[in-house]
Amino acid sequence: DELLTWDEIHFCLARAAGVEPAIVHRSSAD
């Protein structure tokens, strides 16, 4: 029942890895 955005999924992984979650957004087509 947990709803996650794709940014939140990456944030969770970054916290677990002990890093800052640097993210660049690009379209699926790009």
PDB file of all heavy atoms in Angstrom:
ATOM      1  N   ASP A   1       0.822  -1.212   0.000  1.00  0.00           N
ATOM      2  CA  ASP A   1       0.000   0.000   0.000  1.00  0.00           C
ATOM      3  C   ASP A   1       0.858   1.265   0.000  1.00  0.00           C
ATOM      4  O   ASP A   1       0.324   2.373  -0.089  1.00  0.00           O
ATOM      5  CB  ASP A   1      -0.912   0.028   1.237  1.00  0.00           C
ATOM      6  CG  ASP A   1      -2.009  -1.022   1.170  1.00  0.00           C
ATOM      7  OD1 ASP A   1      -2.585  -1.207   0.089  1.00  0.00           O
ATOM      8  OD2 ASP A   1      -2.291  -1.652   2.206  1.00  0.00           O
ATOM      9  N   GLU A   2       2.176   1.106   0.098  1.00  0.00           N
ATOM     10  CA  GLU A   2       3.074   2.259   0.141  1.00  0.00           C
ATOM     11  C   GLU A   2       3.201   2.876  -1.247  1.00  0.00           C
ATOM     12  O   GLU A   2       3.503   2.192  -2.217  1.00  0.00           O
ATOM     13  CB  GLU A   2       4.449   1.824   0.646  1.00  0.00           C
ATOM     14  CG  GLU A   2       5.447   2.967   0.751  1.00  0.00           C
ATOM     15  CD  GLU A   2       6.805   2.528   1.251  1.00  0.00           C
ATOM     16  OE1 GLU A   2       7.244   1.410   0.869  1.00  0.00           O
ATOM     17  OE2 GLU A   2       7.426   3.271   2.014  1.00  0.00           O
ATOM     18  N   LEU A   3       2.993   4.188  -1.337  1.00  0.00           N
ATOM     19  CA  LEU A   3       3.144   4.904  -2.592  1.00  0.00           C
ATOM     20  C   LEU A   3       4.472   5.656  -2.577  1.00  0.00           C
ATOM     21  O   LEU A   3       4.776   6.372  -1.625  1.00  0.00           O
ATOM     22  CB  LEU A   3       1.993   5.886  -2.802  1.00  0.00           C
ATOM     23  CG  LEU A   3       0.608   5.262  -2.974  1.00  0.00           C
ATOM     24  CD1 LEU A   3      -0.438   6.351  -3.148  1.00  0.00           C
ATOM     25  CD2 LEU A   3       0.590   4.324  -4.171  1.00  0.00           C
ATOM     26  N   LEU A   4       5.252   5.498  -3.636  1.00  0.00           N
ATOM     27  CA  LEU A   4       6.561   6.120  -3.735  1.00  0.00           C
ATOM     28  C   LEU A   4       6.704   6.811  -5.081  1.00  0.00           C
ATOM     29  O   LEU A   4       6.301   6.262  -6.111  1.00  0.00           O
ATOM     30  CB  LEU A   4       7.667   5.065  -3.611  1.00  0.00           C
ATOM     31  CG  LEU A   4       7.777   4.301  -2.295  1.00  0.00           C
ATOM     32  CD1 LEU A   4       8.573   3.016  -2.503  1.00  0.00           C
ATOM     33  CD2 LEU A   4       8.444   5.169  -1.233  1.00  0.00           C
ATOM     34  N   THR A   5       7.296   7.999  -5.086  1.00  0.00           N
ATOM     35  CA  THR A   5       7.702   8.582  -6.356  1.00  0.00           C
ATOM     36  C   THR A   5       9.061   7.985  -6.722  1.00  0.00           C
ATOM     37  O   THR A   5       9.763   7.420  -5.874  1.00  0.00           O
ATOM     38  CB  THR A   5       7.843  10.111  -6.266  1.00  0.00           C
ATOM     39  OG1 THR A   5       8.951  10.428  -5.410  1.00  0.00           O
ATOM     40  CG2 THR A   5       6.566  10.754  -5.724  1.00  0.00           C
ATOM     41  N   TRP A   6       9.429   8.127  -7.991  1.00  0.00           N
ATOM     42  CA  TRP A   6      10.735   7.598  -8.399  1.00  0.00           C
ATOM     43  C   TRP A   6      11.877   8.369  -7.748  1.00  0.00           C
ATOM     44  O   TRP A   6      12.929   7.794  -7.457  1.00  0.00           O
ATOM     45  CB  TRP A   6      10.855   7.597  -9.920  1.00  0.00           C
ATOM     46  CG  TRP A   6      10.190   6.385 -10.499  1.00  0.00           C
ATOM     47  CD1 TRP A   6       8.982   6.318 -11.112  1.00  0.00           C
ATOM     48  CD2 TRP A   6      10.694   5.051 -10.465  1.00  0.00           C
ATOM     49  NE1 TRP A   6       8.692   5.015 -11.469  1.00  0.00           N
ATOM     50  CE2 TRP A   6       9.731   4.228 -11.089  1.00  0.00           C
ATOM     51  CE3 TRP A   6      11.859   4.454  -9.976  1.00  0.00           C
ATOM     52  CZ2 TRP A   6       9.893   2.848 -11.235  1.00  0.00           C
ATOM     53  CZ3 TRP A   6      12.034   3.086 -10.128  1.00  0.00           C
ATOM     54  CH2 TRP A   6      11.058   2.310 -10.745  1.00  0.00           C
ATOM     55  N   ASP A   7      11.677   9.651  -7.479  1.00  0.00           N
ATOM     56  CA  ASP A   7      12.686  10.375  -6.707  1.00  0.00           C
ATOM     57  C   ASP A   7      12.810   9.794  -5.304  1.00  0.00           C
ATOM     58  O   ASP A   7      13.922   9.586  -4.796  1.00  0.00           O
ATOM     59  CB  ASP A   7      12.339  11.857  -6.628  1.00  0.00           C
ATOM     60  CG  ASP A   7      12.858  12.654  -7.824  1.00  0.00           C
ATOM     61  OD1 ASP A   7      13.503  12.052  -8.714  1.00  0.00           O
ATOM     62  OD2 ASP A   7      12.597  13.871  -7.868  1.00  0.00           O
ATOM     63  N   GLU A   8      11.674   9.501  -4.663  1.00  0.00           N
ATOM     64  CA  GLU A   8      11.717   8.943  -3.304  1.00  0.00           C
ATOM     65  C   GLU A   8      12.406   7.584  -3.280  1.00  0.00           C
ATOM     66  O   GLU A   8      13.123   7.270  -2.325  1.00  0.00           O
ATOM     67  CB  GLU A   8      10.288   8.836  -2.749  1.00  0.00           C
ATOM     68  CG  GLU A   8       9.687  10.172  -2.360  1.00  0.00           C
ATOM     69  CD  GLU A   8       8.209  10.096  -2.034  1.00  0.00           C
ATOM     70  OE1 GLU A   8       7.531   9.141  -2.474  1.00  0.00           O
ATOM     71  OE2 GLU A   8       7.717  11.000  -1.340  1.00  0.00           O
ATOM     72  N   ILE A   9      12.190   6.776  -4.302  1.00  0.00           N
ATOM     73  CA  ILE A   9      12.876   5.481  -4.379  1.00  0.00           C
ATOM     74  C   ILE A   9      14.388   5.704  -4.392  1.00  0.00           C
ATOM     75  O   ILE A   9      15.144   5.028  -3.669  1.00  0.00           O
ATOM     76  CB  ILE A   9      12.417   4.706  -5.626  1.00  0.00           C
ATOM     77  CG1 ILE A   9      10.968   4.241  -5.455  1.00  0.00           C
ATOM     78  CG2 ILE A   9      13.338   3.506  -5.896  1.00  0.00           C
ATOM     79  CD1 ILE A   9      10.330   3.693  -6.721  1.00  0.00           C
ATOM     80  N   HIS A  10      14.829   6.652  -5.187  1.00  0.00           N
ATOM     81  CA  HIS A  10      16.263   6.954  -5.242  1.00  0.00           C
ATOM     82  C   HIS A  10      16.762   7.558  -3.924  1.00  0.00           C
ATOM     83  O   HIS A  10      17.873   7.246  -3.475  1.00  0.00           O
ATOM     84  CB  HIS A  10      16.559   7.885  -6.422  1.00  0.00           C
ATOM     85  CG  HIS A  10      16.562   7.189  -7.749  1.00  0.00           C
ATOM     86  ND1 HIS A  10      15.408   6.836  -8.410  1.00  0.00           N
ATOM     87  CD2 HIS A  10      17.586   6.755  -8.530  1.00  0.00           C
ATOM     88  CE1 HIS A  10      15.717   6.229  -9.541  1.00  0.00           C
ATOM     89  NE2 HIS A  10      17.030   6.164  -9.646  1.00  0.00           N
ATOM     90  N   PHE A  11      15.948   8.400  -3.285  1.00  0.00           N
ATOM     91  CA  PHE A  11      16.357   8.978  -2.002  1.00  0.00           C
ATOM     92  C   PHE A  11      16.569   7.881  -0.959  1.00  0.00           C
ATOM     93  O   PHE A  11      17.527   7.931  -0.169  1.00  0.00           O
ATOM     94  CB  PHE A  11      15.313   9.969  -1.496  1.00  0.00           C
ATOM     95  CG  PHE A  11      15.135  11.192  -2.350  1.00  0.00           C
ATOM     96  CD1 PHE A  11      13.958  11.926  -2.300  1.00  0.00           C
ATOM     97  CD2 PHE A  11      16.135  11.613  -3.216  1.00  0.00           C
ATOM     98  CE1 PHE A  11      13.782  13.057  -3.077  1.00  0.00           C
ATOM     99  CE2 PHE A  11      15.965  12.739  -4.018  1.00  0.00           C
ATOM    100  CZ  PHE A  11      14.791  13.466  -3.942  1.00  0.00           C
ATOM    101  N   CYS A  12      15.674   6.905  -0.918  1.00  0.00           N
ATOM    102  CA  CYS A  12      15.810   5.793   0.026  1.00  0.00           C
ATOM    103  C   CYS A  12      17.123   5.039  -0.204  1.00  0.00           C
ATOM    104  O   CYS A  12      17.841   4.708   0.754  1.00  0.00           O
ATOM    105  CB  CYS A  12      14.634   4.827  -0.097  1.00  0.00           C
ATOM    106  SG  CYS A  12      13.070   5.412   0.586  1.00  0.00           S
ATOM    107  N   LEU A  13      17.431   4.766  -1.463  1.00  0.00           N
ATOM    108  CA  LEU A  13      18.668   4.058  -1.784  1.00  0.00           C
ATOM    109  C   LEU A  13      19.888   4.891  -1.408  1.00  0.00           C
ATOM    110  O   LEU A  13      20.882   4.360  -0.895  1.00  0.00           O
ATOM    111  CB  LEU A  13      18.698   3.707  -3.269  1.00  0.00           C
ATOM    112  CG  LEU A  13      17.720   2.624  -3.727  1.00  0.00           C
ATOM    113  CD1 LEU A  13      17.657   2.568  -5.246  1.00  0.00           C
ATOM    114  CD2 LEU A  13      18.110   1.259  -3.165  1.00  0.00           C
ATOM    115  N   ALA A  14      19.820   6.192  -1.666  1.00  0.00           N
ATOM    116  CA  ALA A  14      20.953   7.060  -1.332  1.00  0.00           C
ATOM    117  C   ALA A  14      21.192   7.100   0.173  1.00  0.00           C
ATOM    118  O   ALA A  14      22.342   7.034   0.627  1.00  0.00           O
ATOM    119  CB  ALA A  14      20.704   8.467  -1.875  1.00  0.00           C
ATOM    120  N   ARG A  15      20.124   7.217   0.954  1.00  0.00           N
ATOM    121  CA  ARG A  15      20.296   7.221   2.413  1.00  0.00           C
ATOM    122  C   ARG A  15      20.911   5.917   2.891  1.00  0.00           C
ATOM    123  O   ARG A  15      21.789   5.903   3.761  1.00  0.00           O
ATOM    124  CB  ARG A  15      18.945   7.475   3.100  1.00  0.00           C
ATOM    125  CG  ARG A  15      18.486   8.918   3.039  1.00  0.00           C
ATOM    126  CD  ARG A  15      17.306   9.175   3.961  1.00  0.00           C
ATOM    127  NE  ARG A  15      16.090   8.510   3.517  1.00  0.00           N
ATOM    128  CZ  ARG A  15      15.208   9.051   2.682  1.00  0.00           C
ATOM    129  NH1 ARG A  15      15.419  10.257   2.173  1.00  0.00           N
ATOM    130  NH2 ARG A  15      14.103   8.403   2.344  1.00  0.00           N
ATOM    131  N   ALA A  16      20.444   4.812   2.321  1.00  0.00           N
ATOM    132  CA  ALA A  16      20.990   3.511   2.711  1.00  0.00           C
ATOM    133  C   ALA A  16      22.463   3.394   2.329  1.00  0.00           C
ATOM    134  O   ALA A  16      23.241   2.715   3.005  1.00  0.00           O
ATOM    135  CB  ALA A  16      20.181   2.386   2.061  1.00  0.00           C
ATOM    136  N   ALA A  17      22.853   4.060   1.239  1.00  0.00           N
ATOM    137  CA  ALA A  17      24.237   4.011   0.772  1.00  0.00           C
ATOM    138  C   ALA A  17      25.121   5.047   1.450  1.00  0.00           C
ATOM    139  O   ALA A  17      26.337   5.052   1.250  1.00  0.00           O
ATOM    140  CB  ALA A  17      24.279   4.214  -0.741  1.00  0.00           C
ATOM    141  N   GLY A  18      24.504   5.943   2.239  1.00  0.00           N
ATOM    142  CA  GLY A  18      25.277   6.964   2.935  1.00  0.00           C
ATOM    143  C   GLY A  18      25.794   8.054   2.027  1.00  0.00           C
ATOM    144  O   GLY A  18      26.878   8.601   2.261  1.00  0.00           O
ATOM    145  N   VAL A  19      25.032   8.397   0.977  1.00  0.00           N
ATOM    146  CA  VAL A  19      25.467   9.413   0.027  1.00  0.00           C
ATOM    147  C   VAL A  19      24.355  10.437  -0.194  1.00  0.00           C
ATOM    148  O   VAL A  19      23.196  10.202   0.148  1.00  0.00           O
ATOM    149  CB  VAL A  19      25.850   8.779  -1.328  1.00  0.00           C
ATOM    150  CG1 VAL A  19      27.020   7.837  -1.172  1.00  0.00           C
ATOM    151  CG2 VAL A  19      24.653   8.059  -1.950  1.00  0.00           C
ATOM    152  N   GLU A  20      24.733  11.573  -0.781  1.00  0.00           N
ATOM    153  CA  GLU A  20      23.754  12.557  -1.206  1.00  0.00           C
ATOM    154  C   GLU A  20      23.175  12.126  -2.553  1.00  0.00           C
ATOM    155  O   GLU A  20      23.939  11.749  -3.463  1.00  0.00           O
ATOM    156  CB  GLU A  20      24.392  13.936  -1.338  1.00  0.00           C
ATOM    157  CG  GLU A  20      24.727  14.596  -0.011  1.00  0.00           C
ATOM    158  CD  GLU A  20      23.479  14.861   0.821  1.00  0.00           C
ATOM    159  OE1 GLU A  20      22.459  15.307   0.238  1.00  0.00           O
ATOM    160  OE2 GLU A  20      23.526  14.592   2.036  1.00  0.00           O
ATOM    161  N   PRO A  21      21.859  12.160  -2.720  1.00  0.00           N
ATOM    162  CA  PRO A  21      21.241  11.648  -3.951  1.00  0.00           C
ATOM    163  C   PRO A  21      21.261  12.664  -5.086  1.00  0.00           C
ATOM    164  O   PRO A  21      20.248  13.310  -5.377  1.00  0.00           O
ATOM    165  CB  PRO A  21      19.814  11.336  -3.499  1.00  0.00           C
ATOM    166  CG  PRO A  21      19.545  12.354  -2.425  1.00  0.00           C
ATOM    167  CD  PRO A  21      20.861  12.562  -1.719  1.00  0.00           C
ATOM    168  N   ALA A  22      22.387  12.812  -5.742  1.00  0.00           N
ATOM    169  CA  ALA A  22      22.457  13.687  -6.910  1.00  0.00           C
ATOM    170  C   ALA A  22      21.625  13.075  -8.039  1.00  0.00           C
ATOM    171  O   ALA A  22      21.816  11.920  -8.402  1.00  0.00           O
ATOM    172  CB  ALA A  22      23.903  13.846  -7.344  1.00  0.00           C
ATOM    173  N   ILE A  23      20.700  13.866  -8.582  1.00  0.00           N
ATOM    174  CA  ILE A  23      19.772  13.361  -9.600  1.00  0.00           C
ATOM    175  C   ILE A  23      19.672  14.355 -10.747  1.00  0.00           C
ATOM    176  O   ILE A  23      19.605  15.571 -10.538  1.00  0.00           O
ATOM    177  CB  ILE A  23      18.369  13.127  -8.989  1.00  0.00           C
ATOM    178  CG1 ILE A  23      18.379  11.901  -8.067  1.00  0.00           C
ATOM    179  CG2 ILE A  23      17.305  12.967 -10.078  1.00  0.00           C
ATOM    180  CD1 ILE A  23      17.076  11.685  -7.321  1.00  0.00           C
ATOM    181  N   VAL A  24      19.670  13.827 -11.962  1.00  0.00           N
ATOM    182  CA  VAL A  24      19.360  14.602 -13.160  1.00  0.00           C
ATOM    183  C   VAL A  24      18.129  13.972 -13.804  1.00  0.00           C
ATOM    184  O   VAL A  24      18.088  12.752 -14.003  1.00  0.00           O
ATOM    185  CB  VAL A  24      20.538  14.602 -14.156  1.00  0.00           C
ATOM    186  CG1 VAL A  24      20.108  15.193 -15.497  1.00  0.00           C
ATOM    187  CG2 VAL A  24      21.714  15.381 -13.587  1.00  0.00           C
ATOM    188  N   HIS A  25      17.136  14.790 -14.095  1.00  0.00           N
ATOM    189  CA  HIS A  25      15.917  14.293 -14.724  1.00  0.00           C
ATOM    190  C   HIS A  25      16.004  14.419 -16.244  1.00  0.00           C
ATOM    191  O   HIS A  25      16.408  15.462 -16.761  1.00  0.00           O
ATOM    192  CB  HIS A  25      14.692  15.059 -14.216  1.00  0.00           C
ATOM    193  CG  HIS A  25      14.411  14.825 -12.761  1.00  0.00           C
ATOM    194  ND1 HIS A  25      14.569  15.802 -11.801  1.00  0.00           N
ATOM    195  CD2 HIS A  25      14.004  13.711 -12.108  1.00  0.00           C
ATOM    196  CE1 HIS A  25      14.263  15.299 -10.613  1.00  0.00           C
ATOM    197  NE2 HIS A  25      13.918  14.040 -10.776  1.00  0.00           N
ATOM    198  N   ARG A  26      15.628  13.349 -16.920  1.00  0.00           N
ATOM    199  CA  ARG A  26      15.551  13.351 -18.371  1.00  0.00           C
ATOM    200  C   ARG A  26      14.276  12.618 -18.777  1.00  0.00           C
ATOM    201  O   ARG A  26      13.816  11.711 -18.086  1.00  0.00           O
ATOM    202  CB  ARG A  26      16.769  12.652 -18.998  1.00  0.00           C
ATOM    203  CG  ARG A  26      18.064  13.426 -18.845  1.00  0.00           C
ATOM    204  CD  ARG A  26      18.075  14.666 -19.745  1.00  0.00           C
ATOM    205  NE  ARG A  26      19.311  15.413 -19.667  1.00  0.00           N
ATOM    206  CZ  ARG A  26      19.523  16.466 -18.862  1.00  0.00           C
ATOM    207  NH1 ARG A  26      18.565  16.875 -18.057  1.00  0.00           N
ATOM    208  NH2 ARG A  26      20.678  17.102 -18.874  1.00  0.00           N
ATOM    209  N   SER A  27      13.717  12.978 -19.907  1.00  0.00           N
ATOM    210  CA  SER A  27      12.494  12.317 -20.363  1.00  0.00           C
ATOM    211  C   SER A  27      12.782  10.855 -20.703  1.00  0.00           C
ATOM    212  O   SER A  27      13.919  10.483 -21.023  1.00  0.00           O
ATOM    213  CB  SER A  27      11.930  13.033 -21.593  1.00  0.00           C
ATOM    214  OG  SER A  27      12.742  12.786 -22.731  1.00  0.00           O
ATOM    215  N   SER A  28      11.743  10.036 -20.632  1.00  0.00           N
ATOM    216  CA  SER A  28      11.894   8.628 -21.009  1.00  0.00           C
ATOM    217  C   SER A  28      12.353   8.502 -22.451  1.00  0.00           C
ATOM    218  O   SER A  28      13.138   7.608 -22.790  1.00  0.00           O
ATOM    219  CB  SER A  28      10.567   7.888 -20.803  1.00  0.00           C
ATOM    220  OG  SER A  28      10.191   7.897 -19.446  1.00  0.00           O
ATOM    221  N   ALA A  29      11.877   9.412 -23.308  1.00  0.00           N
ATOM    222  CA  ALA A  29      12.286   9.377 -24.721  1.00  0.00           C
ATOM    223  C   ALA A  29      13.770   9.687 -24.863  1.00  0.00           C
ATOM    224  O   ALA A  29      14.486   9.039 -25.641  1.00  0.00           O
ATOM    225  CB  ALA A  29      11.456  10.367 -25.530  1.00  0.00           C
ATOM    226  N   ASP A  30      14.262  10.692 -24.117  1.00  0.00           N
ATOM    227  CA  ASP A  30      15.686  11.033 -24.171  1.00  0.00           C
ATOM    228  C   ASP A  30      16.540   9.860 -23.695  1.00  0.00           C
ATOM    229  O   ASP A  30      17.565   9.526 -24.309  1.00  0.00           O
ATOM    230  CB  ASP A  30      15.976  12.249 -23.288  1.00  0.00           C
ATOM    231  CG  ASP A  30      15.531  13.551 -23.921  1.00  0.00           C
ATOM    232  OD1 ASP A  30      15.233  13.556 -25.135  1.00  0.00           O
ATOM    233  OD2 ASP A  30      15.457  14.572 -23.199  1.00  0.00           O
TER     234      ASP A  30
END
